[in-house]
N, C-alpha and C. Protein backbone atom coordinates (compact mmCIF):
# COMPACT_ATOMS: atom_id res chain seq x y z
N MET A 1 0.90 -1.32 0.13
CA MET A 1 -0.21 -0.36 0.56
C MET A 1 0.95 1.42 -0.11
N LYS A 2 0.43 2.52 -0.86
CA LYS A 2 1.27 3.57 -0.50
C LYS A 2 1.44 4.33 0.33
N ASN A 3 2.32 5.17 0.66
CA ASN A 3 2.07 5.52 1.91
C ASN A 3 0.70 6.59 2.46
N PRO A 4 -0.05 6.28 3.22
CA PRO A 4 -1.53 7.01 3.17
C PRO A 4 -1.16 8.73 4.05
N GLU A 5 -0.15 9.10 4.10
CA GLU A 5 -0.28 10.33 4.65
C GLU A 5 -0.25 11.12 3.23
N ARG A 6 0.76 10.62 2.63
CA ARG A 6 1.26 10.56 1.01
C ARG A 6 -0.37 10.74 0.20
N VAL A 7 -0.49 9.95 0.56
CA VAL A 7 -2.17 9.77 -0.55
C VAL A 7 -2.76 10.93 0.11
N VAL A 8 -3.17 11.47 1.05
CA VAL A 8 -3.97 12.05 1.90
C VAL A 8 -3.66 13.91 1.25
N LEU A 9 -1.77 13.76 1.74
CA LEU A 9 -1.12 15.10 0.88
C LEU A 9 -1.55 15.48 -0.50
N GLU A 10 -1.81 14.63 -1.65
CA GLU A 10 -1.99 13.85 -3.16
C GLU A 10 -3.28 14.79 -2.72
N THR A 11 -4.31 14.02 -2.62
CA THR A 11 -5.76 13.84 -2.48
C THR A 11 -6.30 15.56 -2.46
N LEU A 12 -5.46 16.02 -1.35
CA LEU A 12 -6.22 17.53 -1.20
C LEU A 12 -4.87 18.90 -1.64
N GLN A 13 -4.78 18.31 -3.07
CA GLN A 13 -3.94 18.40 -4.36
C GLN A 13 -3.02 20.46 -3.43
N GLY A 14 -2.27 20.18 -2.59
CA GLY A 14 -2.35 21.63 -2.53
C GLY A 14 -2.76 22.57 -1.65
N GLY A 15 -3.13 22.16 -1.02
CA GLY A 15 -4.67 22.52 -0.13
C GLY A 15 -6.18 23.52 -0.84
N SER A 16 -5.65 23.09 -1.73
CA SER A 16 -6.43 23.59 -2.79
C SER A 16 -8.15 22.95 -2.71
N LYS A 17 -8.09 21.39 -2.14
CA LYS A 17 -8.98 20.73 -1.82
C LYS A 17 -9.13 20.64 -0.42
N TRP A 18 -9.02 21.42 0.65
CA TRP A 18 -8.50 20.99 2.00
C TRP A 18 -9.79 22.37 2.21
N THR A 19 -10.81 21.59 3.41
CA THR A 19 -11.38 22.45 3.87
C THR A 19 -11.14 22.69 5.84
N LYS A 20 -11.76 23.25 6.33
CA LYS A 20 -12.66 22.71 7.71
C LYS A 20 -14.47 22.31 8.00
N GLN A 21 -14.31 21.93 9.05
CA GLN A 21 -15.61 21.93 9.71
C GLN A 21 -15.97 20.49 9.02
N THR A 22 -16.03 20.14 8.37
CA THR A 22 -16.70 19.44 7.26
C THR A 22 -15.90 18.53 7.17
N TYR A 23 -16.90 16.72 6.54
CA TYR A 23 -16.34 16.13 5.80
C TYR A 23 -15.61 16.62 4.51
N GLU A 24 -16.58 16.73 3.71
CA GLU A 24 -16.36 17.08 1.81
C GLU A 24 -17.48 18.49 1.65
N ASP A 25 -17.28 19.43 1.46
CA ASP A 25 -18.04 19.95 1.27
C ASP A 25 -18.62 20.30 -0.05
N GLY A 26 -19.18 19.31 -0.95
CA GLY A 26 -20.30 18.84 -2.17
C GLY A 26 -19.24 19.39 -2.92
N GLY A 27 -18.06 20.41 -2.99
CA GLY A 27 -17.38 21.12 -3.75
C GLY A 27 -15.87 20.04 -4.44
N GLY A 28 -15.89 18.97 -3.43
CA GLY A 28 -14.59 18.72 -3.36
C GLY A 28 -13.28 18.89 -2.89
N ARG A 29 -13.82 19.77 -1.88
CA ARG A 29 -12.83 20.27 -1.00
C ARG A 29 -13.38 19.30 0.60
N MET A 30 -12.13 18.80 1.04
CA MET A 30 -12.55 17.78 1.95
C MET A 30 -10.73 17.96 3.09
N CYS A 31 -11.75 17.69 4.62
CA CYS A 31 -11.13 17.67 5.61
C CYS A 31 -9.68 16.57 5.55
N LEU A 32 -9.23 16.45 6.60
CA LEU A 32 -8.25 15.03 6.60
C LEU A 32 -9.25 13.63 6.56
N VAL A 33 -9.63 13.82 7.49
CA VAL A 33 -10.15 12.63 7.90
C VAL A 33 -11.27 12.81 6.45
N GLY A 34 -11.42 13.02 5.88
CA GLY A 34 -12.39 13.22 4.66
C GLY A 34 -11.19 13.24 3.53
N ALA A 35 -10.99 13.46 3.28
CA ALA A 35 -9.79 13.27 2.53
C ALA A 35 -9.25 11.27 2.47
N ALA A 36 -8.90 11.14 3.93
CA ALA A 36 -8.35 9.90 4.17
C ALA A 36 -9.58 8.77 4.25
N ARG A 37 -10.65 8.98 4.33
CA ARG A 37 -12.30 8.40 4.07
C ARG A 37 -12.06 7.66 2.66
N LYS A 38 -12.00 9.07 1.71
CA LYS A 38 -12.27 9.03 0.90
C LYS A 38 -11.12 8.21 -0.49
N LYS A 39 -10.29 7.64 0.46
CA LYS A 39 -8.84 7.09 -0.53
C LYS A 39 -8.63 5.68 0.85
N ARG A 40 -9.76 5.59 1.24
CA ARG A 40 -10.13 4.11 2.31
C ARG A 40 -8.29 4.19 3.01
N CYS A 41 -7.82 5.12 3.04
CA CYS A 41 -7.09 4.94 4.03
C CYS A 41 -6.64 5.73 6.32
N ALA A 42 -8.50 5.57 6.31
CA ALA A 42 -9.17 6.57 7.31
C ALA A 42 -8.18 5.76 8.52
N SER A 43 -8.53 3.88 8.75
CA SER A 43 -8.32 3.64 9.52
C SER A 43 -6.17 4.04 10.29
N LYS A 44 -5.58 4.43 9.00
CA LYS A 44 -3.80 4.58 9.43
C LYS A 44 -3.19 6.12 9.50
N LEU A 45 -4.11 6.53 10.88
CA LEU A 45 -4.71 7.93 10.81
C LEU A 45 -3.33 7.97 12.34
N SER A 46 -2.99 6.98 13.02
CA SER A 46 -2.77 6.99 14.31
C SER A 46 -1.36 7.64 14.37
N ASN A 47 -0.79 7.13 12.83
CA ASN A 47 0.82 8.26 12.52
C ASN A 47 0.81 9.87 12.81
N LEU A 48 -0.19 9.76 11.33
CA LEU A 48 -0.81 11.58 11.54
C LEU A 48 -1.12 12.25 13.23
N ALA A 49 -2.04 10.91 14.29
CA ALA A 49 -2.02 11.66 14.99
C ALA A 49 -1.02 11.58 15.93
N ALA A 50 -0.41 11.38 15.88
CA ALA A 50 1.30 11.13 16.80
C ALA A 50 1.71 12.46 16.87
N VAL A 51 2.04 12.71 14.97
CA VAL A 51 3.04 13.76 15.17
C VAL A 51 2.08 15.05 15.56
N ILE A 52 0.80 15.17 14.58
CA ILE A 52 0.01 15.85 15.89
C ILE A 52 0.08 17.62 17.00
N LYS A 53 0.42 15.65 17.54
CA LYS A 53 0.23 15.88 19.09
C LYS A 53 1.98 16.05 19.89
N GLU A 54 2.16 16.01 18.53
CA GLU A 54 3.80 16.22 18.90
C GLU A 54 4.23 17.76 19.10
N GLN A 55 3.36 18.48 17.31
CA GLN A 55 3.66 19.38 16.60
C GLN A 55 2.69 20.11 17.31
N TYR A 56 2.08 20.15 18.04
CA TYR A 56 0.31 21.14 17.76
C TYR A 56 -0.65 20.38 18.95
N PRO A 57 0.43 20.30 20.61
CA PRO A 57 -0.74 19.29 21.36
C PRO A 57 -1.50 20.83 21.51
N GLU A 58 -1.94 21.20 21.35
CA GLU A 58 -2.42 22.93 21.95
C GLU A 58 -4.02 22.48 20.74
N ARG A 59 -4.19 22.34 20.06
CA ARG A 59 -4.95 22.14 19.15
C ARG A 59 -5.80 21.00 19.31
N THR A 60 -5.13 19.94 19.71
CA THR A 60 -6.00 18.93 19.73
C THR A 60 -6.24 18.32 21.40
N PHE A 61 -7.99 17.33 21.35
CA PHE A 61 -8.64 17.20 22.92
C PHE A 61 -7.39 16.92 24.16
N ASP A 62 -8.00 18.30 24.83
CA ASP A 62 -7.32 17.93 26.31
C ASP A 62 -8.26 17.37 27.57
N PRO A 63 -9.38 16.86 27.88
CA PRO A 63 -8.78 15.22 27.64
C PRO A 63 -9.63 15.28 26.17
N ALA A 64 -9.40 14.64 25.65
CA ALA A 64 -9.96 14.23 24.71
C ALA A 64 -11.44 13.57 24.23
N PRO A 65 -13.03 14.18 24.10
CA PRO A 65 -13.72 13.70 23.99
C PRO A 65 -14.21 12.48 23.21
N ILE A 66 -13.28 12.52 22.18
CA ILE A 66 -13.82 11.60 21.12
C ILE A 66 -11.91 10.67 21.03
N SER A 67 -11.82 9.58 21.75
CA SER A 67 -10.64 9.58 21.98
C SER A 67 -9.79 8.32 21.02
N SER A 68 -9.28 8.46 20.39
CA SER A 68 -9.21 7.85 18.80
C SER A 68 -8.46 8.51 17.87
N SER A 69 -7.45 8.31 17.25
CA SER A 69 -6.81 8.99 16.54
C SER A 69 -7.47 10.00 15.25
N SER A 70 -8.37 9.57 14.85
CA SER A 70 -8.82 10.86 13.90
C SER A 70 -9.95 11.31 14.86
N GLY A 71 -10.28 11.88 16.49
CA GLY A 71 -10.53 12.89 16.82
C GLY A 71 -9.69 13.76 17.32
N THR A 72 -7.99 13.32 16.90
CA THR A 72 -7.24 14.13 17.46
C THR A 72 -7.47 14.95 15.83
N VAL A 73 -7.16 14.08 14.86
CA VAL A 73 -6.82 14.54 13.54
C VAL A 73 -8.70 15.65 13.09
N ILE A 74 -9.03 15.14 13.32
CA ILE A 74 -10.24 16.58 13.05
C ILE A 74 -10.36 17.84 14.38
N ALA A 75 -9.75 17.57 15.50
CA ALA A 75 -9.15 18.32 15.69
C ALA A 75 -8.47 19.99 15.97
N PHE A 76 -7.37 18.89 15.12
CA PHE A 76 -6.56 19.95 14.74
C PHE A 76 -7.20 19.97 13.47
N ASN A 77 -7.54 19.85 13.05
CA ASN A 77 -7.98 20.04 11.06
C ASN A 77 -9.21 21.78 11.74
N ASP A 78 -9.99 21.35 12.74
CA ASP A 78 -10.86 22.39 12.41
C ASP A 78 -10.30 23.35 13.35
N HIS A 79 -9.10 23.43 13.99
CA HIS A 79 -8.95 24.33 15.05
C HIS A 79 -8.78 25.57 14.37
N ALA A 80 -9.20 26.70 14.86
CA ALA A 80 -8.80 28.26 13.86
C ALA A 80 -7.49 28.51 13.65
N LYS A 81 -7.08 27.99 14.60
CA LYS A 81 -5.15 28.88 13.59
C LYS A 81 -4.99 27.51 13.59
N THR A 82 -5.08 27.04 12.21
CA THR A 82 -5.23 25.57 12.05
C THR A 82 -4.73 26.53 10.59
N THR A 83 -3.96 26.27 9.60
CA THR A 83 -3.89 26.19 8.48
C THR A 83 -3.21 25.66 7.09
N TRP A 84 -3.47 25.41 5.99
CA TRP A 84 -3.39 24.12 5.23
C TRP A 84 -1.38 24.42 5.56
N ALA A 85 -0.65 25.71 5.73
CA ALA A 85 1.01 25.22 6.17
C ALA A 85 1.31 24.37 6.65
N ASP A 86 0.49 24.18 8.32
CA ASP A 86 0.06 23.63 9.42
C ASP A 86 0.01 21.68 8.66
N VAL A 87 -1.19 21.86 7.51
CA VAL A 87 -1.77 20.72 7.89
C VAL A 87 -0.44 19.73 6.49
N GLU A 88 -0.45 20.15 5.75
CA GLU A 88 1.16 19.97 5.09
C GLU A 88 2.10 19.60 5.97
N ARG A 89 2.73 20.63 6.70
CA ARG A 89 3.69 20.29 7.81
C ARG A 89 4.10 18.89 8.37
N VAL A 90 2.44 18.48 8.93
CA VAL A 90 2.24 17.90 10.17
C VAL A 90 2.07 16.40 8.60
N LEU A 91 1.91 15.85 7.35
CA LEU A 91 1.42 15.03 6.50
C LEU A 91 2.70 15.29 6.17
N GLU A 92 3.58 15.75 5.50
CA GLU A 92 5.40 15.50 5.17
C GLU A 92 5.79 15.22 6.68
N LYS A 93 5.63 15.06 7.79
CA LYS A 93 6.69 14.31 8.39
C LYS A 93 5.93 13.78 8.99
N ALA A 94 5.25 13.47 9.06
CA ALA A 94 3.84 11.74 9.35
C ALA A 94 4.68 10.80 8.20
N ALA A 95 4.33 11.34 7.10
CA ALA A 95 5.26 10.50 6.03
C ALA A 95 6.69 9.67 5.42
N LEU A 96 7.29 10.70 6.17
CA LEU A 96 8.58 10.47 6.63
C LEU A 96 8.48 9.39 7.64
N ARG A 97 8.67 9.99 8.21
CA ARG A 97 8.70 8.30 9.86
C ARG A 97 8.36 7.72 9.47
N ARG A 98 6.91 7.53 8.39
CA ARG A 98 6.45 6.40 8.08
C ARG A 98 7.28 5.44 7.15
N ASP A 99 7.77 6.41 6.69
CA ASP A 99 8.52 5.71 5.92
C ASP A 99 9.88 5.30 5.67
N GLU A 100 10.69 6.20 7.45
CA GLU A 100 11.24 5.56 8.13
C GLU A 100 11.00 3.81 8.57
N MET A 101 10.57 4.24 9.28
CA MET A 101 9.39 2.57 10.05
C MET A 101 9.41 1.47 8.66
N LEU A 102 9.38 2.26 7.39
CA LEU A 102 8.93 0.91 6.39
C LEU A 102 10.70 0.64 6.43
N ALA A 103 11.25 1.41 6.65
CA ALA A 103 12.59 1.19 5.88
C ALA A 103 13.41 -0.69 7.40
N ASP A 104 12.70 -0.03 8.07
CA ASP A 104 13.37 -0.75 9.29
C ASP A 104 13.03 -1.90 9.32
């Protein structure tokens, strides 16, 4: 399987297909979880969630009302301060981490 973080990054097309507050807006824009669901890799979000918790702990729930990787990703995606640059940064870092794990 292709690296799921890279798949999501490609799906969001440089931010032109990224949105907040909804999985998919009907116009082709998606949140992180929406893109992962569309590409059938939503069950592979734990690596991305771990990077988000490290890089932006203030943008996740504490304590998490949804104690899952998806909940962490949703909270980060929809946070008022989250920008496309932040999303791209965590996806790239998570993709590199996954590549390293697969190489070992």
